[in-house]
């Protein structure tokens, strides 16, 4: 555990290396919240539309959500969030004339109800 979701504007799809960013995020989770490397699972999802207020754009966004088991300190969660924002700035730049909005949310999963399975082929 953690389950990591990276939602991004489709306009960014070809502008950054998702695998490199995912690996960097996974390593950061290992370093900051003592996650096990094999437990870090990161998924990327492209979003067609992103609208900010009444802006005509062009705007883009990257939103990272971590779902982790409880027990990490607020300081560890803050370090993780700050680290993810720094990684996003390293890996993704806004296109000329556009704005890039980035955000991170870290939430605790209910350990009692969470289930997972792995199948091998």
PDB file of N, CA and C in Angstrom:
ATOM      1  N   UNK A   1       0.872  -1.137   0.000  1.00  0.00           N
ATOM      2  CA  UNK A   1       0.000   0.000   0.000  1.00  0.00           C
ATOM      3  C   UNK A   1       0.914   1.191   0.000  1.00  0.00           C
ATOM      4  N   UNK A   2       0.918   2.144  -0.767  1.00  0.00           N
ATOM      5  CA  UNK A   2      -0.228   2.966  -1.108  1.00  0.00           C
ATOM      6  C   UNK A   2      -0.789   2.712  -2.510  1.00  0.00           C
ATOM      7  N   UNK A   3      -2.029   3.143  -2.662  1.00  0.00           N
ATOM      8  CA  UNK A   3      -2.664   3.228  -3.979  1.00  0.00           C
ATOM      9  C   UNK A   3      -2.511   4.687  -4.413  1.00  0.00           C
ATOM     10  N   UNK A   4      -1.940   4.895  -5.582  1.00  0.00           N
ATOM     11  CA  UNK A   4      -1.635   6.247  -6.040  1.00  0.00           C
ATOM     12  C   UNK A   4      -2.307   6.467  -7.383  1.00  0.00           C
ATOM     13  N   UNK A   5      -3.071   7.538  -7.490  1.00  0.00           N
ATOM     14  CA  UNK A   5      -3.742   7.895  -8.742  1.00  0.00           C
ATOM     15  C   UNK A   5      -3.217   9.246  -9.200  1.00  0.00           C
ATOM     16  N   UNK A   6      -2.864   9.317 -10.476  1.00  0.00           N
ATOM     17  CA  UNK A   6      -2.402  10.571 -11.066  1.00  0.00           C
ATOM     18  C   UNK A   6      -3.369  10.911 -12.201  1.00  0.00           C
ATOM     19  N   UNK A   7      -4.221  11.876 -11.973  1.00  0.00           N
ATOM     20  CA  UNK A   7      -5.141  12.349 -13.003  1.00  0.00           C
ATOM     21  C   UNK A   7      -4.486  13.548 -13.680  1.00  0.00           C
ATOM     22  N   UNK A   8      -4.514  13.567 -15.013  1.00  0.00           N
ATOM     23  CA  UNK A   8      -3.876  14.670 -15.728  1.00  0.00           C
ATOM     24  C   UNK A   8      -4.685  15.032 -16.961  1.00  0.00           C
ATOM     25  N   UNK A   9      -4.562  16.268 -17.357  1.00  0.00           N
ATOM     26  CA  UNK A   9      -5.208  16.733 -18.580  1.00  0.00           C
ATOM     27  C   UNK A   9      -4.631  15.985 -19.770  1.00  0.00           C
ATOM     28  N   UNK A  10      -5.491  15.619 -20.699  1.00  0.00           N
ATOM     29  CA  UNK A  10      -5.040  14.876 -21.876  1.00  0.00           C
ATOM     30  C   UNK A  10      -4.047  15.685 -22.716  1.00  0.00           C
ATOM     31  N   UNK A  11      -4.108  16.994 -22.623  1.00  0.00           N
ATOM     32  CA  UNK A  11      -3.169  17.829 -23.376  1.00  0.00           C
ATOM     33  C   UNK A  11      -1.726  17.634 -22.915  1.00  0.00           C
ATOM     34  N   UNK A  12      -1.536  17.028 -21.734  1.00  0.00           N
ATOM     35  CA  UNK A  12      -0.192  16.785 -21.212  1.00  0.00           C
ATOM     36  C   UNK A  12       0.344  15.400 -21.580  1.00  0.00           C
ATOM     37  N   UNK A  13      -0.488  14.567 -22.169  1.00  0.00           N
ATOM     38  CA  UNK A  13      -0.165  13.149 -22.361  1.00  0.00           C
ATOM     39  C   UNK A  13       1.196  12.912 -22.995  1.00  0.00           C
ATOM     40  N   UNK A  14       1.560  13.630 -24.007  1.00  0.00           N
ATOM     41  CA  UNK A  14       2.836  13.405 -24.668  1.00  0.00           C
ATOM     42  C   UNK A  14       3.968  14.266 -24.161  1.00  0.00           C
ATOM     43  N   UNK A  15       3.707  15.060 -23.150  1.00  0.00           N
ATOM     44  CA  UNK A  15       4.711  16.031 -22.706  1.00  0.00           C
ATOM     45  C   UNK A  15       5.532  15.576 -21.508  1.00  0.00           C
ATOM     46  N   UNK A  16       5.230  14.393 -20.956  1.00  0.00           N
ATOM     47  CA  UNK A  16       6.032  13.903 -19.840  1.00  0.00           C
ATOM     48  C   UNK A  16       6.056  12.381 -19.852  1.00  0.00           C
ATOM     49  N   UNK A  17       7.070  11.834 -19.237  1.00  0.00           N
ATOM     50  CA  UNK A  17       7.272  10.389 -19.162  1.00  0.00           C
ATOM     51  C   UNK A  17       6.534   9.868 -17.925  1.00  0.00           C
ATOM     52  N   UNK A  18       5.383   9.256 -18.148  1.00  0.00           N
ATOM     53  CA  UNK A  18       4.565   8.772 -17.030  1.00  0.00           C
ATOM     54  C   UNK A  18       5.296   7.722 -16.218  1.00  0.00           C
ATOM     55  N   UNK A  19       5.980   6.810 -16.882  1.00  0.00           N
ATOM     56  CA  UNK A  19       6.684   5.760 -16.144  1.00  0.00           C
ATOM     57  C   UNK A  19       7.756   6.350 -15.230  1.00  0.00           C
ATOM     58  N   UNK A  20       8.549   7.289 -15.745  1.00  0.00           N
ATOM     59  CA  UNK A  20       9.596   7.916 -14.935  1.00  0.00           C
ATOM     60  C   UNK A  20       8.991   8.650 -13.742  1.00  0.00           C
ATOM     61  N   UNK A  21       7.893   9.369 -13.973  1.00  0.00           N
ATOM     62  CA  UNK A  21       7.234  10.065 -12.871  1.00  0.00           C
ATOM     63  C   UNK A  21       6.675   9.068 -11.868  1.00  0.00           C
ATOM     64  N   UNK A  22       6.032   8.014 -12.343  1.00  0.00           N
ATOM     65  CA  UNK A  22       5.483   7.005 -11.444  1.00  0.00           C
ATOM     66  C   UNK A  22       6.551   6.361 -10.584  1.00  0.00           C
ATOM     67  N   UNK A  23       7.679   6.006 -11.193  1.00  0.00           N
ATOM     68  CA  UNK A  23       8.782   5.421 -10.426  1.00  0.00           C
ATOM     69  C   UNK A  23       9.324   6.401  -9.390  1.00  0.00           C
ATOM     70  N   UNK A  24       9.419   7.669  -9.763  1.00  0.00           N
ATOM     71  CA  UNK A  24       9.901   8.685  -8.817  1.00  0.00           C
ATOM     72  C   UNK A  24       8.928   8.857  -7.647  1.00  0.00           C
ATOM     73  N   UNK A  25       7.636   8.853  -7.943  1.00  0.00           N
ATOM     74  CA  UNK A  25       6.632   8.967  -6.881  1.00  0.00           C
ATOM     75  C   UNK A  25       6.701   7.743  -5.962  1.00  0.00           C
ATOM     76  N   UNK A  26       6.833   6.563  -6.556  1.00  0.00           N
ATOM     77  CA  UNK A  26       6.929   5.344  -5.743  1.00  0.00           C
ATOM     78  C   UNK A  26       8.149   5.394  -4.821  1.00  0.00           C
ATOM     79  N   UNK A  27       9.316   5.818  -5.360  1.00  0.00           N
ATOM     80  CA  UNK A  27      10.527   5.926  -4.535  1.00  0.00           C
ATOM     81  C   UNK A  27      10.332   6.931  -3.407  1.00  0.00           C
ATOM     82  N   UNK A  28       9.660   8.032  -3.713  1.00  0.00           N
ATOM     83  CA  UNK A  28       9.402   9.037  -2.690  1.00  0.00           C
ATOM     84  C   UNK A  28       8.539   8.470  -1.568  1.00  0.00           C
ATOM     85  N   UNK A  29       7.542   7.671  -1.911  1.00  0.00           N
ATOM     86  CA  UNK A  29       6.686   7.047  -0.892  1.00  0.00           C
ATOM     87  C   UNK A  29       7.499   6.118   0.004  1.00  0.00           C
ATOM     88  N   UNK A  30       8.421   5.390  -0.589  1.00  0.00           N
ATOM     89  CA  UNK A  30       9.291   4.496   0.194  1.00  0.00           C
ATOM     90  C   UNK A  30      10.131   5.323   1.171  1.00  0.00           C
ATOM     91  N   UNK A  31      10.675   6.432   0.689  1.00  0.00           N
ATOM     92  CA  UNK A  31      11.562   7.266   1.508  1.00  0.00           C
ATOM     93  C   UNK A  31      10.832   8.046   2.592  1.00  0.00           C
ATOM     94  N   UNK A  32       9.632   8.532   2.308  1.00  0.00           N
ATOM     95  CA  UNK A  32       8.980   9.460   3.241  1.00  0.00           C
ATOM     96  C   UNK A  32       7.964   8.823   4.169  1.00  0.00           C
ATOM     97  N   UNK A  33       7.288   7.769   3.713  1.00  0.00           N
ATOM     98  CA  UNK A  33       6.266   7.166   4.580  1.00  0.00           C
ATOM     99  C   UNK A  33       6.543   5.690   4.833  1.00  0.00           C
ATOM    100  N   UNK A  34       7.770   5.256   4.526  1.00  0.00           N
ATOM    101  CA  UNK A  34       8.194   3.881   4.800  1.00  0.00           C
ATOM    102  C   UNK A  34       7.318   2.843   4.105  1.00  0.00           C
ATOM    103  N   UNK A  35       6.865   3.170   2.899  1.00  0.00           N
ATOM    104  CA  UNK A  35       6.094   2.201   2.113  1.00  0.00           C
ATOM    105  C   UNK A  35       7.053   1.142   1.569  1.00  0.00           C
ATOM    106  N   UNK A  36       6.546  -0.035   1.356  1.00  0.00           N
ATOM    107  CA  UNK A  36       7.326  -1.097   0.729  1.00  0.00           C
ATOM    108  C   UNK A  36       7.298  -0.875  -0.784  1.00  0.00           C
ATOM    109  N   UNK A  37       8.442  -1.004  -1.472  1.00  0.00           N
ATOM    110  CA  UNK A  37       8.467  -0.731  -2.916  1.00  0.00           C
ATOM    111  C   UNK A  37       7.424  -1.518  -3.705  1.00  0.00           C
ATOM    112  N   UNK A  38       7.274  -2.800  -3.398  1.00  0.00           N
ATOM    113  CA  UNK A  38       6.322  -3.624  -4.145  1.00  0.00           C
ATOM    114  C   UNK A  38       4.872  -3.292  -3.824  1.00  0.00           C
ATOM    115  N   UNK A  39       4.648  -2.509  -2.773  1.00  0.00           N
ATOM    116  CA  UNK A  39       3.282  -2.136  -2.398  1.00  0.00           C
ATOM    117  C   UNK A  39       2.812  -0.864  -3.100  1.00  0.00           C
ATOM    118  N   UNK A  40       3.726  -0.113  -3.687  1.00  0.00           N
ATOM    119  CA  UNK A  40       3.370   1.149  -4.349  1.00  0.00           C
ATOM    120  C   UNK A  40       2.796   0.854  -5.728  1.00  0.00           C
ATOM    121  N   UNK A  41       1.562   1.250  -5.927  1.00  0.00           N
ATOM    122  CA  UNK A  41       0.876   1.027  -7.196  1.00  0.00           C
ATOM    123  C   UNK A  41       0.348   2.364  -7.698  1.00  0.00           C
ATOM    124  N   UNK A  42       0.862   2.794  -8.849  1.00  0.00           N
ATOM    125  CA  UNK A  42       0.512   4.101  -9.387  1.00  0.00           C
ATOM    126  C   UNK A  42      -0.193   3.935 -10.726  1.00  0.00           C
ATOM    127  N   UNK A  43      -1.345   4.579 -10.854  1.00  0.00           N
ATOM    128  CA  UNK A  43      -2.119   4.541 -12.087  1.00  0.00           C
ATOM    129  C   UNK A  43      -2.243   5.969 -12.625  1.00  0.00           C
ATOM    130  N   UNK A  44      -2.158   6.100 -13.937  1.00  0.00           N
ATOM    131  CA  UNK A  44      -2.326   7.394 -14.598  1.00  0.00           C
ATOM    132  C   UNK A  44      -3.639   7.388 -15.361  1.00  0.00           C
ATOM    133  N   UNK A  45      -4.381   8.485 -15.223  1.00  0.00           N
ATOM    134  CA  UNK A  45      -5.656   8.630 -15.936  1.00  0.00           C
ATOM    135  C   UNK A  45      -5.686   9.985 -16.626  1.00  0.00           C
ATOM    136  N   UNK A  46      -5.989   9.944 -17.904  1.00  0.00           N
ATOM    137  CA  UNK A  46      -6.065  11.154 -18.701  1.00  0.00           C
ATOM    138  C   UNK A  46      -7.494  11.690 -18.685  1.00  0.00           C
ATOM    139  N   UNK A  47      -7.630  12.997 -18.521  1.00  0.00           N
ATOM    140  CA  UNK A  47      -8.937  13.662 -18.510  1.00  0.00           C
ATOM    141  C   UNK A  47      -9.040  14.597 -19.705  1.00  0.00           C
ATOM    142  N   UNK A  48     -10.147  14.485 -20.419  1.00  0.00           N
ATOM    143  CA  UNK A  48     -10.340  15.283 -21.633  1.00  0.00           C
ATOM    144  C   UNK A  48     -10.582  16.763 -21.351  1.00  0.00           C
ATOM    145  N   UNK A  49     -11.299  17.059 -20.308  1.00  0.00           N
ATOM    146  CA  UNK A  49     -11.679  18.455 -20.050  1.00  0.00           C
ATOM    147  C   UNK A  49     -11.188  18.909 -18.686  1.00  0.00           C
ATOM    148  N   UNK A  50     -10.763  20.156 -18.617  1.00  0.00           N
ATOM    149  CA  UNK A  50     -10.370  20.789 -17.363  1.00  0.00           C
ATOM    150  C   UNK A  50     -10.736  22.253 -17.478  1.00  0.00           C
ATOM    151  N   UNK A  51     -11.566  22.733 -16.580  1.00  0.00           N
ATOM    152  CA  UNK A  51     -12.052  24.108 -16.632  1.00  0.00           C
ATOM    153  C   UNK A  51     -11.788  24.760 -15.280  1.00  0.00           C
ATOM    154  N   UNK A  52     -11.233  25.963 -15.313  1.00  0.00           N
ATOM    155  CA  UNK A  52     -10.967  26.714 -14.092  1.00  0.00           C
ATOM    156  C   UNK A  52     -11.808  27.978 -14.121  1.00  0.00           C
ATOM    157  N   UNK A  53     -12.689  28.098 -13.141  1.00  0.00           N
ATOM    158  CA  UNK A  53     -13.507  29.306 -13.031  1.00  0.00           C
ATOM    159  C   UNK A  53     -14.183  29.649 -14.338  1.00  0.00           C
ATOM    160  N   UNK A  54     -13.970  30.870 -14.804  1.00  0.00           N
ATOM    161  CA  UNK A  54     -14.540  31.319 -16.066  1.00  0.00           C
ATOM    162  C   UNK A  54     -13.477  31.472 -17.147  1.00  0.00           C
ATOM    163  N   UNK A  55     -12.326  30.867 -16.911  1.00  0.00           N
ATOM    164  CA  UNK A  55     -11.210  30.970 -17.840  1.00  0.00           C
ATOM    165  C   UNK A  55     -11.519  30.285 -19.157  1.00  0.00           C
ATOM    166  N   UNK A  56     -11.057  30.879 -20.223  1.00  0.00           N
ATOM    167  CA  UNK A  56     -11.174  30.273 -21.548  1.00  0.00           C
ATOM    168  C   UNK A  56     -10.003  29.343 -21.828  1.00  0.00           C
ATOM    169  N   UNK A  57      -9.056  29.259 -20.866  1.00  0.00           N
ATOM    170  CA  UNK A  57      -7.900  28.374 -21.015  1.00  0.00           C
ATOM    171  C   UNK A  57      -6.825  29.002 -21.859  1.00  0.00           C
ATOM    172  N   UNK A  58      -5.870  28.279 -22.338  1.00  0.00           N
ATOM    173  CA  UNK A  58      -5.747  26.836 -22.118  1.00  0.00           C
ATOM    174  C   UNK A  58      -5.155  26.556 -20.734  1.00  0.00           C
ATOM    175  N   UNK A  59      -5.769  25.689 -20.009  1.00  0.00           N
ATOM    176  CA  UNK A  59      -5.300  25.284 -18.699  1.00  0.00           C
ATOM    177  C   UNK A  59      -5.122  23.772 -18.676  1.00  0.00           C
ATOM    178  N   UNK A  60      -4.264  23.306 -17.800  1.00  0.00           N
ATOM    179  CA  UNK A  60      -4.051  21.871 -17.625  1.00  0.00           C
ATOM    180  C   UNK A  60      -3.902  21.611 -16.128  1.00  0.00           C
ATOM    181  N   UNK A  61      -4.134  20.352 -15.765  1.00  0.00           N
ATOM    182  CA  UNK A  61      -4.014  20.014 -14.350  1.00  0.00           C
ATOM    183  C   UNK A  61      -3.380  18.645 -14.182  1.00  0.00           C
ATOM    184  N   UNK A  62      -2.728  18.476 -13.025  1.00  0.00           N
ATOM    185  CA  UNK A  62      -2.265  17.173 -12.563  1.00  0.00           C
ATOM    186  C   UNK A  62      -2.684  17.089 -11.108  1.00  0.00           C
ATOM    187  N   UNK A  63      -3.459  16.065 -10.790  1.00  0.00           N
ATOM    188  CA  UNK A  63      -3.960  15.856  -9.431  1.00  0.00           C
ATOM    189  C   UNK A  63      -3.516  14.469  -8.991  1.00  0.00           C
ATOM    190  N   UNK A  64      -2.769  14.411  -7.895  1.00  0.00           N
ATOM    191  CA  UNK A  64      -2.250  13.146  -7.383  1.00  0.00           C
ATOM    192  C   UNK A  64      -2.960  12.831  -6.078  1.00  0.00           C
ATOM    193  N   UNK A  65      -3.495  11.619  -6.008  1.00  0.00           N
ATOM    194  CA  UNK A  65      -4.157  11.189  -4.781  1.00  0.00           C
ATOM    195  C   UNK A  65      -3.475   9.936  -4.254  1.00  0.00           C
ATOM    196  N   UNK A  66      -3.056  10.009  -3.008  1.00  0.00           N
ATOM    197  CA  UNK A  66      -2.489   8.871  -2.290  1.00  0.00           C
ATOM    198  C   UNK A  66      -3.537   8.344  -1.342  1.00  0.00           C
ATOM    199  N   UNK A  67      -3.751   7.054  -1.352  1.00  0.00           N
ATOM    200  CA  UNK A  67      -4.574   6.384  -0.346  1.00  0.00           C
ATOM    201  C   UNK A  67      -3.638   5.443   0.397  1.00  0.00           C
ATOM    202  N   UNK A  68      -3.497   5.695   1.701  1.00  0.00           N
ATOM    203  CA  UNK A  68      -2.538   4.943   2.504  1.00  0.00           C
ATOM    204  C   UNK A  68      -3.212   4.440   3.770  1.00  0.00           C
ATOM    205  N   UNK A  69      -2.600   3.425   4.368  1.00  0.00           N
ATOM    206  CA  UNK A  69      -3.092   2.959   5.650  1.00  0.00           C
ATOM    207  C   UNK A  69      -2.783   3.997   6.723  1.00  0.00           C
ATOM    208  N   UNK A  70      -3.616   4.094   7.752  1.00  0.00           N
ATOM    209  CA  UNK A  70      -3.403   5.062   8.833  1.00  0.00           C
ATOM    210  C   UNK A  70      -2.100   4.770   9.581  1.00  0.00           C
ATOM    211  N   UNK A  71      -1.630   5.773  10.277  1.00  0.00           N
ATOM    212  CA  UNK A  71      -0.477   5.612  11.145  1.00  0.00           C
ATOM    213  C   UNK A  71       0.673   6.538  10.823  1.00  0.00           C
ATOM    214  N   UNK A  72       0.622   7.197   9.676  1.00  0.00           N
ATOM    215  CA  UNK A  72       1.692   8.137   9.338  1.00  0.00           C
ATOM    216  C   UNK A  72       1.422   9.471  10.031  1.00  0.00           C
ATOM    217  N   UNK A  73       2.484  10.129  10.425  1.00  0.00           N
ATOM    218  CA  UNK A  73       2.346  11.412  11.108  1.00  0.00           C
ATOM    219  C   UNK A  73       1.931  12.492  10.112  1.00  0.00           C
ATOM    220  N   UNK A  74       1.327  13.564  10.617  1.00  0.00           N
ATOM    221  CA  UNK A  74       1.016  14.687   9.722  1.00  0.00           C
ATOM    222  C   UNK A  74       2.274  15.237   9.045  1.00  0.00           C
ATOM    223  N   UNK A  75       3.396  15.213   9.740  1.00  0.00           N
ATOM    224  CA  UNK A  75       4.643  15.709   9.158  1.00  0.00           C
ATOM    225  C   UNK A  75       5.099  14.817   7.991  1.00  0.00           C
ATOM    226  N   UNK A  76       4.960  13.506   8.145  1.00  0.00           N
ATOM    227  CA  UNK A  76       5.339  12.592   7.058  1.00  0.00           C
ATOM    228  C   UNK A  76       4.426  12.792   5.857  1.00  0.00           C
ATOM    229  N   UNK A  77       3.137  12.974   6.104  1.00  0.00           N
ATOM    230  CA  UNK A  77       2.195  13.209   4.999  1.00  0.00           C
ATOM    231  C   UNK A  77       2.507  14.529   4.294  1.00  0.00           C
ATOM    232  N   UNK A  78       2.842  15.556   5.074  1.00  0.00           N
ATOM    233  CA  UNK A  78       3.182  16.852   4.481  1.00  0.00           C
ATOM    234  C   UNK A  78       4.461  16.745   3.654  1.00  0.00           C
ATOM    235  N   UNK A  79       5.453  15.997   4.156  1.00  0.00           N
ATOM    236  CA  UNK A  79       6.697  15.810   3.404  1.00  0.00           C
ATOM    237  C   UNK A  79       6.424  15.071   2.097  1.00  0.00           C
ATOM    238  N   UNK A  80       5.558  14.083   2.142  1.00  0.00           N
ATOM    239  CA  UNK A  80       5.183  13.352   0.934  1.00  0.00           C
ATOM    240  C   UNK A  80       4.500  14.286  -0.064  1.00  0.00           C
ATOM    241  N   UNK A  81       3.535  15.056   0.403  1.00  0.00           N
ATOM    242  CA  UNK A  81       2.817  15.979  -0.486  1.00  0.00           C
ATOM    243  C   UNK A  81       3.765  17.007  -1.096  1.00  0.00           C
ATOM    244  N   UNK A  82       4.648  17.583  -0.289  1.00  0.00           N
ATOM    245  CA  UNK A  82       5.609  18.559  -0.806  1.00  0.00           C
ATOM    246  C   UNK A  82       6.545  17.919  -1.818  1.00  0.00           C
ATOM    247  N   UNK A  83       6.971  16.696  -1.526  1.00  0.00           N
ATOM    248  CA  UNK A  83       7.855  15.986  -2.442  1.00  0.00           C
ATOM    249  C   UNK A  83       7.189  15.687  -3.770  1.00  0.00           C
ATOM    250  N   UNK A  84       5.914  15.303  -3.725  1.00  0.00           N
ATOM    251  CA  UNK A  84       5.182  15.026  -4.968  1.00  0.00           C
ATOM    252  C   UNK A  84       5.053  16.295  -5.798  1.00  0.00           C
ATOM    253  N   UNK A  85       4.724  17.414  -5.159  1.00  0.00           N
ATOM    254  CA  UNK A  85       4.635  18.672  -5.907  1.00  0.00           C
ATOM    255  C   UNK A  85       5.974  19.013  -6.561  1.00  0.00           C
ATOM    256  N   UNK A  86       7.078  18.775  -5.855  1.00  0.00           N
ATOM    257  CA  UNK A  86       8.397  19.033  -6.428  1.00  0.00           C
ATOM    258  C   UNK A  86       8.659  18.113  -7.626  1.00  0.00           C
ATOM    259  N   UNK A  87       8.268  16.839  -7.509  1.00  0.00           N
ATOM    260  CA  UNK A  87       8.440  15.917  -8.633  1.00  0.00           C
ATOM    261  C   UNK A  87       7.618  16.334  -9.846  1.00  0.00           C
ATOM    262  N   UNK A  88       6.389  16.793  -9.597  1.00  0.00           N
ATOM    263  CA  UNK A  88       5.553  17.253 -10.708  1.00  0.00           C
ATOM    264  C   UNK A  88       6.220  18.422 -11.422  1.00  0.00           C
ATOM    265  N   UNK A  89       6.795  19.351 -10.645  1.00  0.00           N
ATOM    266  CA  UNK A  89       7.473  20.505 -11.246  1.00  0.00           C
ATOM    267  C   UNK A  89       8.699  20.072 -12.045  1.00  0.00           C
ATOM    268  N   UNK A  90       9.387  19.008 -11.600  1.00  0.00           N
ATOM    269  CA  UNK A  90      10.556  18.504 -12.323  1.00  0.00           C
ATOM    270  C   UNK A  90      10.180  17.807 -13.631  1.00  0.00           C
ATOM    271  N   UNK A  91       9.055  17.101 -13.626  1.00  0.00           N
ATOM    272  CA  UNK A  91       8.701  16.241 -14.756  1.00  0.00           C
ATOM    273  C   UNK A  91       7.737  16.869 -15.757  1.00  0.00           C
ATOM    274  N   UNK A  92       6.976  17.890 -15.333  1.00  0.00           N
ATOM    275  CA  UNK A  92       5.931  18.430 -16.204  1.00  0.00           C
ATOM    276  C   UNK A  92       6.014  19.952 -16.208  1.00  0.00           C
ATOM    277  N   UNK A  93       6.048  20.526 -17.375  1.00  0.00           N
ATOM    278  CA  UNK A  93       6.050  21.980 -17.523  1.00  0.00           C
ATOM    279  C   UNK A  93       4.807  22.404 -18.289  1.00  0.00           C
ATOM    280  N   UNK A  94       4.258  23.564 -17.958  1.00  0.00           N
ATOM    281  CA  UNK A  94       3.103  24.031 -18.732  1.00  0.00           C
ATOM    282  C   UNK A  94       3.512  24.399 -20.156  1.00  0.00           C
ATOM    283  N   UNK A  95       2.599  24.189 -21.065  1.00  0.00           N
ATOM    284  CA  UNK A  95       2.837  24.586 -22.449  1.00  0.00           C
ATOM    285  C   UNK A  95       2.887  26.113 -22.516  1.00  0.00           C
ATOM    286  N   UNK A  96       3.621  26.660 -23.478  1.00  0.00           N
ATOM    287  CA  UNK A  96       3.668  28.114 -23.614  1.00  0.00           C
ATOM    288  C   UNK A  96       2.263  28.710 -23.697  1.00  0.00           C
ATOM    289  N   UNK A  97       2.031  29.747 -22.916  1.00  0.00           N
ATOM    290  CA  UNK A  97       0.748  30.429 -22.924  1.00  0.00           C
ATOM    291  C   UNK A  97      -0.340  29.746 -22.112  1.00  0.00           C
ATOM    292  N   UNK A  98       0.002  28.672 -21.394  1.00  0.00           N
ATOM    293  CA  UNK A  98      -1.009  27.972 -20.602  1.00  0.00           C
ATOM    294  C   UNK A  98      -0.637  28.000 -19.128  1.00  0.00           C
ATOM    295  N   UNK A  99      -1.579  27.588 -18.317  1.00  0.00           N
ATOM    296  CA  UNK A  99      -1.352  27.460 -16.883  1.00  0.00           C
ATOM    297  C   UNK A  99      -1.460  25.983 -16.515  1.00  0.00           C
ATOM    298  N   UNK A 100      -0.590  25.547 -15.586  1.00  0.00           N
ATOM    299  CA  UNK A 100      -0.620  24.177 -15.088  1.00  0.00           C
ATOM    300  C   UNK A 100      -0.933  24.217 -13.600  1.00  0.00           C
ATOM    301  N   UNK A 101      -2.026  23.585 -13.220  1.00  0.00           N
ATOM    302  CA  UNK A 101      -2.435  23.492 -11.827  1.00  0.00           C
ATOM    303  C   UNK A 101      -2.059  22.109 -11.307  1.00  0.00           C
ATOM    304  N   UNK A 102      -1.380  22.068 -10.176  1.00  0.00           N
ATOM    305  CA  UNK A 102      -1.011  20.792  -9.575  1.00  0.00           C
ATOM    306  C   UNK A 102      -1.521  20.737  -8.143  1.00  0.00           C
ATOM    307  N   UNK A 103      -1.901  19.541  -7.717  1.00  0.00           N
ATOM    308  CA  UNK A 103      -2.391  19.358  -6.351  1.00  0.00           C
ATOM    309  C   UNK A 103      -2.141  17.919  -5.918  1.00  0.00           C
ATOM    310  N   UNK A 104      -2.015  17.733  -4.608  1.00  0.00           N
ATOM    311  CA  UNK A 104      -1.811  16.415  -4.018  1.00  0.00           C
ATOM    312  C   UNK A 104      -2.759  16.272  -2.841  1.00  0.00           C
ATOM    313  N   UNK A 105      -3.373  15.106  -2.711  1.00  0.00           N
ATOM    314  CA  UNK A 105      -4.205  14.784  -1.548  1.00  0.00           C
ATOM    315  C   UNK A 105      -3.757  13.436  -1.010  1.00  0.00           C
ATOM    316  N   UNK A 106      -3.582  13.373   0.293  1.00  0.00           N
ATOM    317  CA  UNK A 106      -3.192  12.130   0.944  1.00  0.00           C
ATOM    318  C   UNK A 106      -4.267  11.793   1.963  1.00  0.00           C
ATOM    319  N   UNK A 107      -4.880  10.619   1.794  1.00  0.00           N
ATOM    320  CA  UNK A 107      -5.954  10.236   2.705  1.00  0.00           C
ATOM    321  C   UNK A 107      -5.722   8.823   3.219  1.00  0.00           C
ATOM    322  N   UNK A 108      -6.262   8.575   4.402  1.00  0.00           N
ATOM    323  CA  UNK A 108      -6.152   7.266   5.028  1.00  0.00           C
ATOM    324  C   UNK A 108      -7.273   6.352   4.551  1.00  0.00           C
ATOM    325  N   UNK A 109      -6.912   5.111   4.293  1.00  0.00           N
ATOM    326  CA  UNK A 109      -7.871   4.074   3.920  1.00  0.00           C
ATOM    327  C   UNK A 109      -8.353   3.386   5.186  1.00  0.00           C
ATOM    328  N   UNK A 110      -9.597   2.981   5.194  1.00  0.00           N
ATOM    329  CA  UNK A 110     -10.130   2.199   6.299  1.00  0.00           C
ATOM    330  C   UNK A 110      -9.538   0.795   6.219  1.00  0.00           C
ATOM    331  N   UNK A 111      -8.620   0.508   7.108  1.00  0.00           N
ATOM    332  CA  UNK A 111      -7.900  -0.766   7.095  1.00  0.00           C
ATOM    333  C   UNK A 111      -8.840  -1.964   7.246  1.00  0.00           C
ATOM    334  N   UNK A 112      -9.928  -1.779   7.985  1.00  0.00           N
ATOM    335  CA  UNK A 112     -10.849  -2.883   8.255  1.00  0.00           C
ATOM    336  C   UNK A 112     -11.635  -3.314   7.018  1.00  0.00           C
ATOM    337  N   UNK A 113     -11.890  -2.373   6.110  1.00  0.00           N
ATOM    338  CA  UNK A 113     -12.716  -2.724   4.948  1.00  0.00           C
ATOM    339  C   UNK A 113     -11.926  -2.894   3.663  1.00  0.00           C
ATOM    340  N   UNK A 114     -10.664  -2.511   3.652  1.00  0.00           N
ATOM    341  CA  UNK A 114      -9.843  -2.593   2.443  1.00  0.00           C
ATOM    342  C   UNK A 114      -9.492  -4.042   2.140  1.00  0.00           C
ATOM    343  N   UNK A 115      -9.594  -4.421   0.892  1.00  0.00           N
ATOM    344  CA  UNK A 115      -9.218  -5.750   0.421  1.00  0.00           C
ATOM    345  C   UNK A 115      -8.471  -5.606  -0.898  1.00  0.00           C
ATOM    346  N   UNK A 116      -7.553  -6.518  -1.158  1.00  0.00           N
ATOM    347  CA  UNK A 116      -6.874  -6.550  -2.453  1.00  0.00           C
ATOM    348  C   UNK A 116      -6.523  -7.992  -2.784  1.00  0.00           C
ATOM    349  N   UNK A 117      -6.230  -8.244  -4.049  1.00  0.00           N
ATOM    350  CA  UNK A 117      -5.843  -9.573  -4.501  1.00  0.00           C
ATOM    351  C   UNK A 117      -4.871  -9.430  -5.646  1.00  0.00           C
ATOM    352  N   UNK A 118      -4.033 -10.421  -5.834  1.00  0.00           N
ATOM    353  CA  UNK A 118      -3.104 -10.463  -6.946  1.00  0.00           C
ATOM    354  C   UNK A 118      -3.298 -11.795  -7.671  1.00  0.00           C
ATOM    355  N   UNK A 119      -3.419 -11.745  -8.978  1.00  0.00           N
ATOM    356  CA  UNK A 119      -3.547 -12.952  -9.784  1.00  0.00           C
ATOM    357  C   UNK A 119      -2.352 -13.037 -10.707  1.00  0.00           C
ATOM    358  N   UNK A 120      -1.838 -14.202 -10.902  1.00  0.00           N
ATOM    359  CA  UNK A 120      -0.726 -14.410 -11.825  1.00  0.00           C
ATOM    360  C   UNK A 120      -1.187 -15.279 -12.985  1.00  0.00           C
ATOM    361  N   UNK A 121      -0.665 -14.995 -14.148  1.00  0.00           N
ATOM    362  CA  UNK A 121      -1.056 -15.764 -15.323  1.00  0.00           C
ATOM    363  C   UNK A 121      -0.014 -16.768 -15.735  1.00  0.00           C
TER     364      UNK A 121
END
